[in-house]
Amino acid sequence: MAATSKSNGTSTSSPDNLQRTKILLLGQRGSGKTSIQQVLFNDVSPKQTFYLEPTPRTTKHRYDTVIPLEIWDCPGNVTLDSLGASLSEFSSIIFVIDIQDSYQQPIARMLDFFAAAYQENPDATLEVFVHKAESLAEDYKIENFRHIQQRVIDELLDTSPEYEQMPVNFHLTSVYDHSIREAFSRVLHKLIDSLPYLEDLLNVFCSNSQASKAFLFDVKSRLYVATDESPVDTGMHNLCCDYVRTLTAFGPLYMSTSVNEDSRSFYPSAAVSLAQGTTLTYHLITPQLALLAMLHPGVFEERRGLLEYNVVFFREGVQEIASVERDARTGNL
């Protein structure tokens, strides 16, 4: 099957020999897999996805974030034989199921891919996005989600007892809210080898800055690539997503900038007071990544200089990790 390639995500050019982490995006025709890719990585409005054409052939989308990605968006009729690549090449396989659809055929296709991937590459993460959740009332979508989950588990056990240990992860998603970003973020976390180091940096930042929560966000896709050890509150995650979007669209009008004298790089920053008695801060860390942190307003006002110092320390750590990652993927280590 013919495939086409597209690049997006950053204006910084990537070397041709860069080893990319590959994600296979599968699903029936009309399940919403292309809409997911377009909303997350091309900033397409959810309402505009209604006009997207069906995917005629496998398309490879390149995206540079904390790690370089290559996302294969496949047509609904792709098979193991027509894919044109070994499943061992993929670090993650995502199968999208329309929550309103008849489940039998998509689950059967999904299990064909998951079983083959489990045999070829047991370390690959296997993800199910039960998608278009906005189309059902709350009670019905939870019921359908659980039914699909149980059906998949039952089918796996009926196929072979060895599949009882197959690590399949389920996510309830929609492009009309931030559930798709939270789900894809969790998929991404499993693919980042340097995640423990990023989490350590965030934990140190929170401790030294008296921050109650911190995220490292990819600015364009609004996926969070890492967070500190405290639990993720969905409401706070959604606020951060909205703030990143606002700053990306209108930030140059009111964001302040700090200058790194060594590199002469500009790092925009901003802060906003929330109704919950919290100050939300934003600091650009790399051209692709931004640090968002929640602090008590008193801490923000009284210890702003210390906060800025801790941001510089955090930025240097993240940039060093990114440099090592890039060198490893281009064979320079």
C-alpha atoms as a PDB file:
ATOM      1  CA  MET A   1       0.000   0.000   0.000  1.00  0.00           C
ATOM      2  CA  ALA A   2       1.405   3.409  -0.961  1.00  0.00           C
ATOM      3  CA  ALA A   3       2.224   5.824   1.837  1.00  0.00           C
ATOM      4  CA  THR A   4       2.790   9.567   1.970  1.00  0.00           C
ATOM      5  CA  SER A   5       4.767  11.612   4.479  1.00  0.00           C
ATOM      6  CA  LYS A   6       4.005  14.974   6.066  1.00  0.00           C
ATOM      7  CA  SER A   7       5.879  17.018   8.647  1.00  0.00           C
ATOM      8  CA  ASN A   8       4.493  19.404  11.243  1.00  0.00           C
ATOM      9  CA  GLY A   9       5.022  20.531  14.798  1.00  0.00           C
ATOM     10  CA  THR A  10       7.977  22.879  14.596  1.00  0.00           C
ATOM     11  CA  SER A  11       9.826  25.090  12.215  1.00  0.00           C
ATOM     12  CA  THR A  12      13.154  23.676  13.370  1.00  0.00           C
ATOM     13  CA  SER A  13      14.491  21.309  10.721  1.00  0.00           C
ATOM     14  CA  SER A  14      15.250  17.751  11.783  1.00  0.00           C
ATOM     15  CA  PRO A  15      18.116  15.693  10.383  1.00  0.00           C
ATOM     16  CA  ASP A  16      17.179  12.946   7.948  1.00  0.00           C
ATOM     17  CA  ASN A  17      18.872  10.295  10.078  1.00  0.00           C
ATOM     18  CA  LEU A  18      16.803  11.098  13.170  1.00  0.00           C
ATOM     19  CA  GLN A  19      15.340   7.913  14.669  1.00  0.00           C
ATOM     20  CA  ARG A  20      11.662   8.562  15.288  1.00  0.00           C
ATOM     21  CA  THR A  21       9.312   6.813  17.692  1.00  0.00           C
ATOM     22  CA  LYS A  22       6.539   5.347  15.560  1.00  0.00           C
ATOM     23  CA  ILE A  23       2.849   5.241  16.507  1.00  0.00           C
ATOM     24  CA  LEU A  24       0.355   3.220  14.454  1.00  0.00           C
ATOM     25  CA  LEU A  25      -3.119   4.791  14.325  1.00  0.00           C
ATOM     26  CA  LEU A  26      -5.829   2.318  13.282  1.00  0.00           C
ATOM     27  CA  GLY A  27      -9.610   2.104  13.166  1.00  0.00           C
ATOM     28  CA  GLN A  28     -12.620   1.552  10.943  1.00  0.00           C
ATOM     29  CA  ARG A  29     -13.507   4.116   8.312  1.00  0.00           C
ATOM     30  CA  GLY A  30     -15.237   7.035  10.012  1.00  0.00           C
ATOM     31  CA  SER A  31     -14.066   6.101  13.503  1.00  0.00           C
ATOM     32  CA  GLY A  32     -12.338   9.486  13.927  1.00  0.00           C
ATOM     33  CA  LYS A  33      -8.657   8.517  13.825  1.00  0.00           C
ATOM     34  CA  THR A  34      -7.716  11.152  11.233  1.00  0.00           C
ATOM     35  CA  SER A  35      -9.706  13.762  13.156  1.00  0.00           C
ATOM     36  CA  ILE A  36      -7.655  12.948  16.259  1.00  0.00           C
ATOM     37  CA  GLN A  37      -4.394  13.430  14.379  1.00  0.00           C
ATOM     38  CA  GLN A  38      -5.550  16.674  12.770  1.00  0.00           C
ATOM     39  CA  VAL A  39      -6.937  18.219  15.973  1.00  0.00           C
ATOM     40  CA  LEU A  40      -3.878  17.349  18.064  1.00  0.00           C
ATOM     41  CA  PHE A  41      -1.033  18.007  15.656  1.00  0.00           C
ATOM     42  CA  ASN A  42      -2.388  20.359  12.961  1.00  0.00           C
ATOM     43  CA  ASP A  43      -4.544  22.555  15.229  1.00  0.00           C
ATOM     44  CA  VAL A  44      -7.686  21.799  13.219  1.00  0.00           C
ATOM     45  CA  SER A  45     -10.906  22.879  14.927  1.00  0.00           C
ATOM     46  CA  PRO A  46     -13.084  19.920  16.041  1.00  0.00           C
ATOM     47  CA  LYS A  47     -15.969  21.325  14.026  1.00  0.00           C
ATOM     48  CA  GLN A  48     -13.830  21.323  10.874  1.00  0.00           C
ATOM     49  CA  THR A  49     -13.142  17.590  11.178  1.00  0.00           C
ATOM     50  CA  PHE A  50     -16.647  16.955   9.864  1.00  0.00           C
ATOM     51  CA  TYR A  51     -15.339  17.930   6.417  1.00  0.00           C
ATOM     52  CA  LEU A  52     -12.232  15.731   6.414  1.00  0.00           C
ATOM     53  CA  GLU A  53     -12.047  13.236   3.570  1.00  0.00           C
ATOM     54  CA  PRO A  54     -11.632   9.512   4.346  1.00  0.00           C
ATOM     55  CA  THR A  55      -7.985   8.444   4.525  1.00  0.00           C
ATOM     56  CA  PRO A  56      -7.233   6.835   1.106  1.00  0.00           C
ATOM     57  CA  ARG A  57      -3.737   5.565   1.961  1.00  0.00           C
ATOM     58  CA  THR A  58      -1.365   5.316   4.887  1.00  0.00           C
ATOM     59  CA  THR A  59       0.013   8.760   5.710  1.00  0.00           C
ATOM     60  CA  LYS A  60       3.075   9.274   7.892  1.00  0.00           C
ATOM     61  CA  HIS A  61       2.943  12.440   9.985  1.00  0.00           C
ATOM     62  CA  ARG A  62       6.172  13.632  11.600  1.00  0.00           C
ATOM     63  CA  TYR A  63       5.954  15.672  14.785  1.00  0.00           C
ATOM     64  CA  ASP A  64       8.770  16.972  16.969  1.00  0.00           C
ATOM     65  CA  THR A  65       8.151  17.332  20.688  1.00  0.00           C
ATOM     66  CA  VAL A  66      10.242  16.089  23.634  1.00  0.00           C
ATOM     67  CA  ILE A  67      10.849  13.063  21.392  1.00  0.00           C
ATOM     68  CA  PRO A  68      10.491  12.966  17.585  1.00  0.00           C
ATOM     69  CA  LEU A  69       7.337  11.107  16.528  1.00  0.00           C
ATOM     70  CA  GLU A  70       6.143   9.501  13.308  1.00  0.00           C
ATOM     71  CA  ILE A  71       2.411   8.801  13.372  1.00  0.00           C
ATOM     72  CA  TRP A  72       1.057   6.421  10.737  1.00  0.00           C
ATOM     73  CA  ASP A  73      -2.577   7.281   9.962  1.00  0.00           C
ATOM     74  CA  CYS A  74      -3.992   4.218   8.163  1.00  0.00           C
ATOM     75  CA  PRO A  75      -7.129   3.765   6.045  1.00  0.00           C
ATOM     76  CA  GLY A  76      -9.971   1.759   7.518  1.00  0.00           C
ATOM     77  CA  ASN A  77      -9.342  -1.233   5.244  1.00  0.00           C
ATOM     78  CA  VAL A  78      -5.642  -1.678   6.031  1.00  0.00           C
ATOM     79  CA  THR A  79      -4.595  -5.226   6.919  1.00  0.00           C
ATOM     80  CA  LEU A  80      -1.495  -6.825   8.365  1.00  0.00           C
ATOM     81  CA  ASP A  81      -0.415  -7.738   4.837  1.00  0.00           C
ATOM     82  CA  SER A  82      -1.116  -4.337   3.257  1.00  0.00           C
ATOM     83  CA  LEU A  83       0.439  -2.246   6.036  1.00  0.00           C
ATOM     84  CA  GLY A  84       3.833  -2.467   4.397  1.00  0.00           C
ATOM     85  CA  ALA A  85       5.823  -2.586   7.633  1.00  0.00           C
ATOM     86  CA  SER A  86       6.533  -4.949  10.483  1.00  0.00           C
ATOM     87  CA  LEU A  87       4.596  -4.278  13.683  1.00  0.00           C
ATOM     88  CA  SER A  88       7.895  -4.536  15.536  1.00  0.00           C
ATOM     89  CA  GLU A  89       8.710  -1.058  14.178  1.00  0.00           C
ATOM     90  CA  PHE A  90       5.975   0.569  16.261  1.00  0.00           C
ATOM     91  CA  SER A  91       6.315   1.571  19.901  1.00  0.00           C
ATOM     92  CA  SER A  92       2.571   2.088  20.295  1.00  0.00           C
ATOM     93  CA  ILE A  93      -0.533   0.906  18.464  1.00  0.00           C
ATOM     94  CA  ILE A  94      -3.729   2.908  18.930  1.00  0.00           C
ATOM     95  CA  PHE A  95      -7.024   1.462  17.700  1.00  0.00           C
ATOM     96  CA  VAL A  96      -9.935   3.922  17.547  1.00  0.00           C
ATOM     97  CA  ILE A  97     -13.479   2.584  18.019  1.00  0.00           C
ATOM     98  CA  ASP A  98     -16.553   4.754  17.412  1.00  0.00           C
ATOM     99  CA  ILE A  99     -18.614   4.416  20.611  1.00  0.00           C
ATOM    100  CA  GLN A 100     -21.837   4.456  18.533  1.00  0.00           C
ATOM    101  CA  ASP A 101     -20.661   1.767  16.113  1.00  0.00           C
ATOM    102  CA  SER A 102     -21.350  -1.933  16.031  1.00  0.00           C
ATOM    103  CA  TYR A 103     -18.419  -3.365  17.975  1.00  0.00           C
ATOM    104  CA  GLN A 104     -18.039  -6.826  16.476  1.00  0.00           C
ATOM    105  CA  GLN A 105     -16.106  -6.029  13.287  1.00  0.00           C
ATOM    106  CA  PRO A 106     -13.768  -3.336  14.700  1.00  0.00           C
ATOM    107  CA  ILE A 107     -12.929  -5.469  17.748  1.00  0.00           C
ATOM    108  CA  ALA A 108     -12.128  -8.449  15.499  1.00  0.00           C
ATOM    109  CA  ARG A 109      -9.779  -6.294  13.352  1.00  0.00           C
ATOM    110  CA  MET A 110      -8.215  -4.751  16.418  1.00  0.00           C
ATOM    111  CA  LEU A 111      -7.472  -8.130  17.969  1.00  0.00           C
ATOM    112  CA  ASP A 112      -5.794  -9.297  14.751  1.00  0.00           C
ATOM    113  CA  PHE A 113      -3.361  -6.371  15.007  1.00  0.00           C
ATOM    114  CA  PHE A 114      -2.907  -6.583  18.776  1.00  0.00           C
ATOM    115  CA  ALA A 115      -2.245 -10.343  18.736  1.00  0.00           C
ATOM    116  CA  ALA A 116       0.317  -9.980  15.934  1.00  0.00           C
ATOM    117  CA  ALA A 117       1.982  -7.040  17.670  1.00  0.00           C
ATOM    118  CA  TYR A 118       2.117  -8.916  20.981  1.00  0.00           C
ATOM    119  CA  GLN A 119       3.952 -11.756  19.269  1.00  0.00           C
ATOM    120  CA  GLU A 120       6.364  -9.524  17.335  1.00  0.00           C
ATOM    121  CA  ASN A 121       6.972  -6.832  19.948  1.00  0.00           C
ATOM    122  CA  PRO A 122       5.682  -7.541  23.477  1.00  0.00           C
ATOM    123  CA  ASP A 123       6.988  -4.156  24.649  1.00  0.00           C
ATOM    124  CA  ALA A 124       4.681  -2.179  22.341  1.00  0.00           C
ATOM    125  CA  THR A 125       1.889  -0.356  24.148  1.00  0.00           C
ATOM    126  CA  LEU A 126      -1.599  -1.342  22.982  1.00  0.00           C
ATOM    127  CA  GLU A 127      -4.198   1.407  23.332  1.00  0.00           C
ATOM    128  CA  VAL A 128      -7.951   1.528  22.656  1.00  0.00           C
ATOM    129  CA  PHE A 129      -9.575   4.922  22.168  1.00  0.00           C
ATOM    130  CA  VAL A 130     -13.328   4.549  22.594  1.00  0.00           C
ATOM    131  CA  HIS A 131     -14.038   7.681  20.627  1.00  0.00           C
ATOM    132  CA  LYS A 132     -16.797  10.230  19.887  1.00  0.00           C
ATOM    133  CA  ALA A 133     -17.893  10.109  23.521  1.00  0.00           C
ATOM    134  CA  GLU A 134     -19.656  13.457  23.085  1.00  0.00           C
ATOM    135  CA  SER A 135     -22.358  11.716  21.021  1.00  0.00           C
ATOM    136  CA  LEU A 136     -23.898   9.924  24.021  1.00  0.00           C
ATOM    137  CA  ALA A 137     -25.334  11.005  27.362  1.00  0.00           C
ATOM    138  CA  GLU A 138     -23.068  10.486  30.378  1.00  0.00           C
ATOM    139  CA  ASP A 139     -24.718   7.275  31.631  1.00  0.00           C
ATOM    140  CA  TYR A 140     -24.828   5.667  28.193  1.00  0.00           C
ATOM    141  CA  LYS A 141     -21.250   6.457  27.252  1.00  0.00           C
ATOM    142  CA  ILE A 142     -19.924   5.009  30.521  1.00  0.00           C
ATOM    143  CA  GLU A 143     -22.055   1.898  29.981  1.00  0.00           C
ATOM    144  CA  ASN A 144     -20.878   1.493  26.359  1.00  0.00           C
ATOM    145  CA  PHE A 145     -17.270   2.104  27.362  1.00  0.00           C
ATOM    146  CA  ARG A 146     -17.399  -0.660  29.967  1.00  0.00           C
ATOM    147  CA  HIS A 147     -19.176  -2.991  27.557  1.00  0.00           C
ATOM    148  CA  ILE A 148     -16.474  -2.530  24.897  1.00  0.00           C
ATOM    149  CA  GLN A 149     -13.747  -3.006  27.484  1.00  0.00           C
ATOM    150  CA  GLN A 150     -15.270  -6.253  28.756  1.00  0.00           C
ATOM    151  CA  ARG A 151     -15.934  -7.493  25.220  1.00  0.00           C
ATOM    152  CA  VAL A 152     -12.287  -6.999  24.263  1.00  0.00           C
ATOM    153  CA  ILE A 153     -11.057  -8.788  27.386  1.00  0.00           C
ATOM    154  CA  ASP A 154     -13.448 -11.709  26.811  1.00  0.00           C
ATOM    155  CA  GLU A 155     -12.438 -12.017  23.149  1.00  0.00           C
ATOM    156  CA  LEU A 156      -8.747 -12.063  24.097  1.00  0.00           C
ATOM    157  CA  LEU A 157      -9.266 -14.861  26.603  1.00  0.00           C
ATOM    158  CA  ASP A 158     -11.367 -16.837  24.131  1.00  0.00           C
ATOM    159  CA  THR A 159      -8.603 -16.529  21.522  1.00  0.00           C
ATOM    160  CA  SER A 160      -5.768 -17.738  23.751  1.00  0.00           C
ATOM    161  CA  PRO A 161      -5.115 -17.987  27.519  1.00  0.00           C
ATOM    162  CA  GLU A 162      -1.689 -16.402  26.962  1.00  0.00           C
ATOM    163  CA  TYR A 163      -3.387 -13.139  26.003  1.00  0.00           C
ATOM    164  CA  GLU A 164      -4.610 -12.727  29.579  1.00  0.00           C
ATOM    165  CA  GLN A 165      -1.324 -10.916  30.226  1.00  0.00           C
ATOM    166  CA  MET A 166      -1.632  -8.660  27.165  1.00  0.00           C
ATOM    167  CA  PRO A 167      -1.473  -5.052  28.470  1.00  0.00           C
ATOM    168  CA  VAL A 168      -4.379  -3.341  26.690  1.00  0.00           C
ATOM    169  CA  ASN A 169      -5.238   0.180  27.884  1.00  0.00           C
ATOM    170  CA  PHE A 170      -8.636   1.820  27.367  1.00  0.00           C
ATOM    171  CA  HIS A 171      -9.430   5.539  27.059  1.00  0.00           C
ATOM    172  CA  LEU A 172     -12.769   7.324  26.648  1.00  0.00           C
ATOM    173  CA  THR A 173     -12.127  10.190  24.220  1.00  0.00           C
ATOM    174  CA  SER A 174     -13.622  13.069  22.264  1.00  0.00           C
ATOM    175  CA  VAL A 175     -12.088  15.840  20.143  1.00  0.00           C
ATOM    176  CA  TYR A 176     -14.708  18.234  21.552  1.00  0.00           C
ATOM    177  CA  ASP A 177     -13.133  18.331  25.006  1.00  0.00           C
ATOM    178  CA  HIS A 178      -9.696  17.748  26.505  1.00  0.00           C
ATOM    179  CA  SER A 179     -10.175  14.000  27.035  1.00  0.00           C
ATOM    180  CA  ILE A 180      -8.339  13.252  23.773  1.00  0.00           C
ATOM    181  CA  ARG A 181      -5.354  15.316  24.942  1.00  0.00           C
ATOM    182  CA  GLU A 182      -5.244  13.642  28.326  1.00  0.00           C
ATOM    183  CA  ALA A 183      -5.473  10.173  26.713  1.00  0.00           C
ATOM    184  CA  PHE A 184      -2.789  10.862  24.114  1.00  0.00           C
ATOM    185  CA  SER A 185      -0.573  12.400  26.797  1.00  0.00           C
ATOM    186  CA  ARG A 186      -0.745   9.165  28.781  1.00  0.00           C
ATOM    187  CA  VAL A 187       0.186   7.204  25.658  1.00  0.00           C
ATOM    188  CA  LEU A 188       3.125   9.546  25.048  1.00  0.00           C
ATOM    189  CA  HIS A 189       4.435   9.146  28.616  1.00  0.00           C
ATOM    190  CA  LYS A 190       5.060   5.440  28.011  1.00  0.00           C
ATOM    191  CA  LEU A 191       7.249   6.242  25.005  1.00  0.00           C
ATOM    192  CA  ILE A 192       9.578   8.789  26.651  1.00  0.00           C
ATOM    193  CA  ASP A 193      12.674   7.050  28.010  1.00  0.00           C
ATOM    194  CA  SER A 194      13.734  10.236  29.794  1.00  0.00           C
ATOM    195  CA  LEU A 195      10.373  10.630  31.571  1.00  0.00           C
ATOM    196  CA  PRO A 196      11.752   9.780  35.077  1.00  0.00           C
ATOM    197  CA  TYR A 197      14.351  12.551  34.725  1.00  0.00           C
ATOM    198  CA  LEU A 198      11.741  15.085  33.600  1.00  0.00           C
ATOM    199  CA  GLU A 199       9.509  14.089  36.510  1.00  0.00           C
ATOM    200  CA  ASP A 200      12.416  14.494  38.933  1.00  0.00           C
ATOM    201  CA  LEU A 201      13.055  18.000  37.610  1.00  0.00           C
ATOM    202  CA  LEU A 202       9.372  18.871  38.067  1.00  0.00           C
ATOM    203  CA  ASN A 203       9.351  17.471  41.616  1.00  0.00           C
ATOM    204  CA  VAL A 204      12.415  19.535  42.533  1.00  0.00           C
ATOM    205  CA  PHE A 205      10.877  22.639  40.949  1.00  0.00           C
ATOM    206  CA  CYS A 206       7.626  22.193  42.892  1.00  0.00           C
ATOM    207  CA  SER A 207       9.480  21.656  46.166  1.00  0.00           C
ATOM    208  CA  ASN A 208      11.785  24.643  45.746  1.00  0.00           C
ATOM    209  CA  SER A 209       9.069  26.981  44.422  1.00  0.00           C
ATOM    210  CA  GLN A 210       6.234  25.877  46.746  1.00  0.00           C
ATOM    211  CA  ALA A 211       4.159  25.010  43.670  1.00  0.00           C
ATOM    212  CA  SER A 212       1.170  22.728  44.237  1.00  0.00           C
ATOM    213  CA  LYS A 213       1.278  21.325  40.699  1.00  0.00           C
ATOM    214  CA  ALA A 214       3.417  21.609  37.566  1.00  0.00           C
ATOM    215  CA  PHE A 215       3.137  20.348  33.986  1.00  0.00           C
ATOM    216  CA  LEU A 216       5.557  20.319  31.078  1.00  0.00           C
ATOM    217  CA  PHE A 217       3.374  20.960  28.024  1.00  0.00           C
ATOM    218  CA  ASP A 218       4.020  20.603  24.326  1.00  0.00           C
ATOM    219  CA  VAL A 219       2.849  24.032  23.197  1.00  0.00           C
ATOM    220  CA  LYS A 220       1.432  23.247  19.747  1.00  0.00           C
ATOM    221  CA  SER A 221      -0.437  20.002  20.510  1.00  0.00           C
ATOM    222  CA  ARG A 222      -1.217  20.915  24.157  1.00  0.00           C
ATOM    223  CA  LEU A 223      -0.193  17.435  25.290  1.00  0.00           C
ATOM    224  CA  TYR A 224       1.522  17.336  28.654  1.00  0.00           C
ATOM    225  CA  VAL A 225       4.725  15.339  28.299  1.00  0.00           C
ATOM    226  CA  ALA A 226       5.442  15.137  32.037  1.00  0.00           C
ATOM    227  CA  THR A 227       4.090  16.217  35.419  1.00  0.00           C
ATOM    228  CA  ASP A 228       5.173  16.073  39.036  1.00  0.00           C
ATOM    229  CA  GLU A 229       4.291  13.277  41.447  1.00  0.00           C
ATOM    230  CA  SER A 230       1.041  14.829  42.739  1.00  0.00           C
ATOM    231  CA  PRO A 231      -2.226  13.519  41.225  1.00  0.00           C
ATOM    232  CA  VAL A 232      -3.527  15.068  38.004  1.00  0.00           C
ATOM    233  CA  ASP A 233      -6.816  16.886  38.529  1.00  0.00           C
ATOM    234  CA  THR A 234      -8.856  16.855  35.316  1.00  0.00           C
ATOM    235  CA  GLY A 235     -10.234  20.345  35.910  1.00  0.00           C
ATOM    236  CA  MET A 236      -6.774  21.826  36.441  1.00  0.00           C
ATOM    237  CA  HIS A 237      -5.428  19.962  33.406  1.00  0.00           C
ATOM    238  CA  ASN A 238      -8.230  21.456  31.307  1.00  0.00           C
ATOM    239  CA  LEU A 239      -7.471  24.967  32.597  1.00  0.00           C
ATOM    240  CA  CYS A 240      -3.817  24.536  31.645  1.00  0.00           C
ATOM    241  CA  CYS A 241      -4.782  23.366  28.139  1.00  0.00           C
ATOM    242  CA  ASP A 242      -6.987  26.418  27.668  1.00  0.00           C
ATOM    243  CA  TYR A 243      -4.301  28.765  28.984  1.00  0.00           C
ATOM    244  CA  VAL A 244      -1.668  27.357  26.635  1.00  0.00           C
ATOM    245  CA  ARG A 245      -4.065  27.799  23.720  1.00  0.00           C
ATOM    246  CA  THR A 246      -4.812  31.401  24.709  1.00  0.00           C
ATOM    247  CA  LEU A 247      -1.154  32.290  25.066  1.00  0.00           C
ATOM    248  CA  THR A 248      -0.268  30.611  21.780  1.00  0.00           C
ATOM    249  CA  ALA A 249      -2.925  32.639  19.983  1.00  0.00           C
ATOM    250  CA  PHE A 250      -2.574  36.007  21.757  1.00  0.00           C
ATOM    251  CA  GLY A 251       0.566  35.716  23.858  1.00  0.00           C
ATOM    252  CA  PRO A 252       2.762  38.159  21.909  1.00  0.00           C
ATOM    253  CA  LEU A 253       0.338  40.936  22.897  1.00  0.00           C
ATOM    254  CA  TYR A 254       0.927  40.686  26.628  1.00  0.00           C
ATOM    255  CA  MET A 255       3.572  38.111  27.580  1.00  0.00           C
ATOM    256  CA  SER A 256       6.778  39.355  29.157  1.00  0.00           C
ATOM    257  CA  THR A 257      10.120  37.913  28.018  1.00  0.00           C
ATOM    258  CA  SER A 258      13.341  37.013  29.706  1.00  0.00           C
ATOM    259  CA  VAL A 259      16.620  36.856  27.804  1.00  0.00           C
ATOM    260  CA  ASN A 260      19.283  34.215  28.117  1.00  0.00           C
ATOM    261  CA  GLU A 261      22.475  36.252  27.695  1.00  0.00           C
ATOM    262  CA  ASP A 262      24.486  33.235  26.528  1.00  0.00           C
ATOM    263  CA  SER A 263      22.202  32.110  23.723  1.00  0.00           C
ATOM    264  CA  ARG A 264      20.321  35.389  23.203  1.00  0.00           C
ATOM    265  CA  SER A 265      17.127  33.354  23.285  1.00  0.00           C
ATOM    266  CA  PHE A 266      13.824  34.903  24.330  1.00  0.00           C
ATOM    267  CA  TYR A 267      11.652  32.958  26.777  1.00  0.00           C
ATOM    268  CA  PRO A 268       8.121  34.341  27.118  1.00  0.00           C
ATOM    269  CA  SER A 269       6.393  34.099  30.495  1.00  0.00           C
ATOM    270  CA  ALA A 270       2.954  34.982  31.821  1.00  0.00           C
ATOM    271  CA  ALA A 271       0.734  34.543  34.870  1.00  0.00           C
ATOM    272  CA  VAL A 272      -2.985  34.658  35.585  1.00  0.00           C
ATOM    273  CA  SER A 273      -5.028  34.593  38.802  1.00  0.00           C
ATOM    274  CA  LEU A 274      -7.654  31.851  38.950  1.00  0.00           C
ATOM    275  CA  ALA A 275     -10.948  31.913  40.811  1.00  0.00           C
ATOM    276  CA  GLN A 276      -9.762  29.086  43.073  1.00  0.00           C
ATOM    277  CA  GLY A 277      -7.248  31.402  44.783  1.00  0.00           C
ATOM    278  CA  THR A 278      -4.362  30.094  42.680  1.00  0.00           C
ATOM    279  CA  THR A 279      -1.898  31.764  40.349  1.00  0.00           C
ATOM    280  CA  LEU A 280      -1.161  29.868  37.130  1.00  0.00           C
ATOM    281  CA  THR A 281       2.248  30.648  35.630  1.00  0.00           C
ATOM    282  CA  TYR A 282       3.634  29.948  32.162  1.00  0.00           C
ATOM    283  CA  HIS A 283       7.318  29.853  31.166  1.00  0.00           C
ATOM    284  CA  LEU A 284       8.607  28.777  27.761  1.00  0.00           C
ATOM    285  CA  ILE A 285      11.356  26.187  28.237  1.00  0.00           C
ATOM    286  CA  THR A 286      12.266  25.227  24.659  1.00  0.00           C
ATOM    287  CA  PRO A 287      10.681  26.298  21.349  1.00  0.00           C
ATOM    288  CA  GLN A 288       8.297  23.322  21.742  1.00  0.00           C
ATOM    289  CA  LEU A 289       7.834  22.994  25.526  1.00  0.00           C
ATOM    290  CA  ALA A 290       6.414  25.205  28.284  1.00  0.00           C
ATOM    291  CA  LEU A 291       6.292  24.874  32.077  1.00  0.00           C
ATOM    292  CA  LEU A 292       2.930  25.564  33.713  1.00  0.00           C
ATOM    293  CA  ALA A 293       2.779  25.761  37.499  1.00  0.00           C
ATOM    294  CA  MET A 294       0.136  26.441  40.151  1.00  0.00           C
ATOM    295  CA  LEU A 295       1.171  28.586  43.123  1.00  0.00           C
ATOM    296  CA  HIS A 296      -0.481  30.411  46.009  1.00  0.00           C
ATOM    297  CA  PRO A 297      -0.807  34.110  45.031  1.00  0.00           C
ATOM    298  CA  GLY A 298       1.195  35.171  48.087  1.00  0.00           C
ATOM    299  CA  VAL A 299       4.057  32.876  47.155  1.00  0.00           C
ATOM    300  CA  PHE A 300       4.031  34.176  43.588  1.00  0.00           C
ATOM    301  CA  GLU A 301       4.178  37.831  44.676  1.00  0.00           C
ATOM    302  CA  GLU A 302       6.699  37.459  47.501  1.00  0.00           C
ATOM    303  CA  ARG A 303       9.072  34.909  45.959  1.00  0.00           C
ATOM    304  CA  ARG A 304       8.958  35.806  42.297  1.00  0.00           C
ATOM    305  CA  GLY A 305      12.727  36.182  42.030  1.00  0.00           C
ATOM    306  CA  LEU A 306      13.250  32.696  43.463  1.00  0.00           C
ATOM    307  CA  LEU A 307      10.612  31.327  41.089  1.00  0.00           C
ATOM    308  CA  GLU A 308      12.449  32.795  38.091  1.00  0.00           C
ATOM    309  CA  TYR A 309      15.734  31.338  39.346  1.00  0.00           C
ATOM    310  CA  ASN A 310      14.132  27.893  39.685  1.00  0.00           C
ATOM    311  CA  VAL A 311      12.706  28.185  36.170  1.00  0.00           C
ATOM    312  CA  VAL A 312      16.203  28.846  34.788  1.00  0.00           C
ATOM    313  CA  PHE A 313      17.521  25.767  36.603  1.00  0.00           C
ATOM    314  CA  PHE A 314      14.591  23.702  35.291  1.00  0.00           C
ATOM    315  CA  ARG A 315      15.070  25.012  31.738  1.00  0.00           C
ATOM    316  CA  GLU A 316      18.749  24.064  31.733  1.00  0.00           C
ATOM    317  CA  GLY A 317      17.876  20.546  32.909  1.00  0.00           C
ATOM    318  CA  VAL A 318      15.212  20.008  30.255  1.00  0.00           C
ATOM    319  CA  GLN A 319      17.414  21.387  27.490  1.00  0.00           C
ATOM    320  CA  GLU A 320      20.247  19.075  28.533  1.00  0.00           C
ATOM    321  CA  ILE A 321      17.897  16.068  28.471  1.00  0.00           C
ATOM    322  CA  ALA A 322      16.591  17.131  25.038  1.00  0.00           C
ATOM    323  CA  SER A 323      20.159  17.494  23.742  1.00  0.00           C
ATOM    324  CA  VAL A 324      21.147  14.007  24.948  1.00  0.00           C
ATOM    325  CA  GLU A 325      17.957  12.556  23.440  1.00  0.00           C
ATOM    326  CA  ARG A 326      18.630  14.184  20.093  1.00  0.00           C
ATOM    327  CA  ASP A 327      22.261  13.057  20.027  1.00  0.00           C
ATOM    328  CA  ALA A 328      21.241   9.477  20.844  1.00  0.00           C
ATOM    329  CA  ARG A 329      18.713   9.456  18.004  1.00  0.00           C
ATOM    330  CA  THR A 330      21.176  10.820  15.459  1.00  0.00           C
ATOM    331  CA  GLY A 331      23.995   8.464  16.474  1.00  0.00           C
ATOM    332  CA  ASN A 332      26.208  11.183  17.943  1.00  0.00           C
ATOM    333  CA  LEU A 333      26.663   9.522  21.334  1.00  0.00           C
END
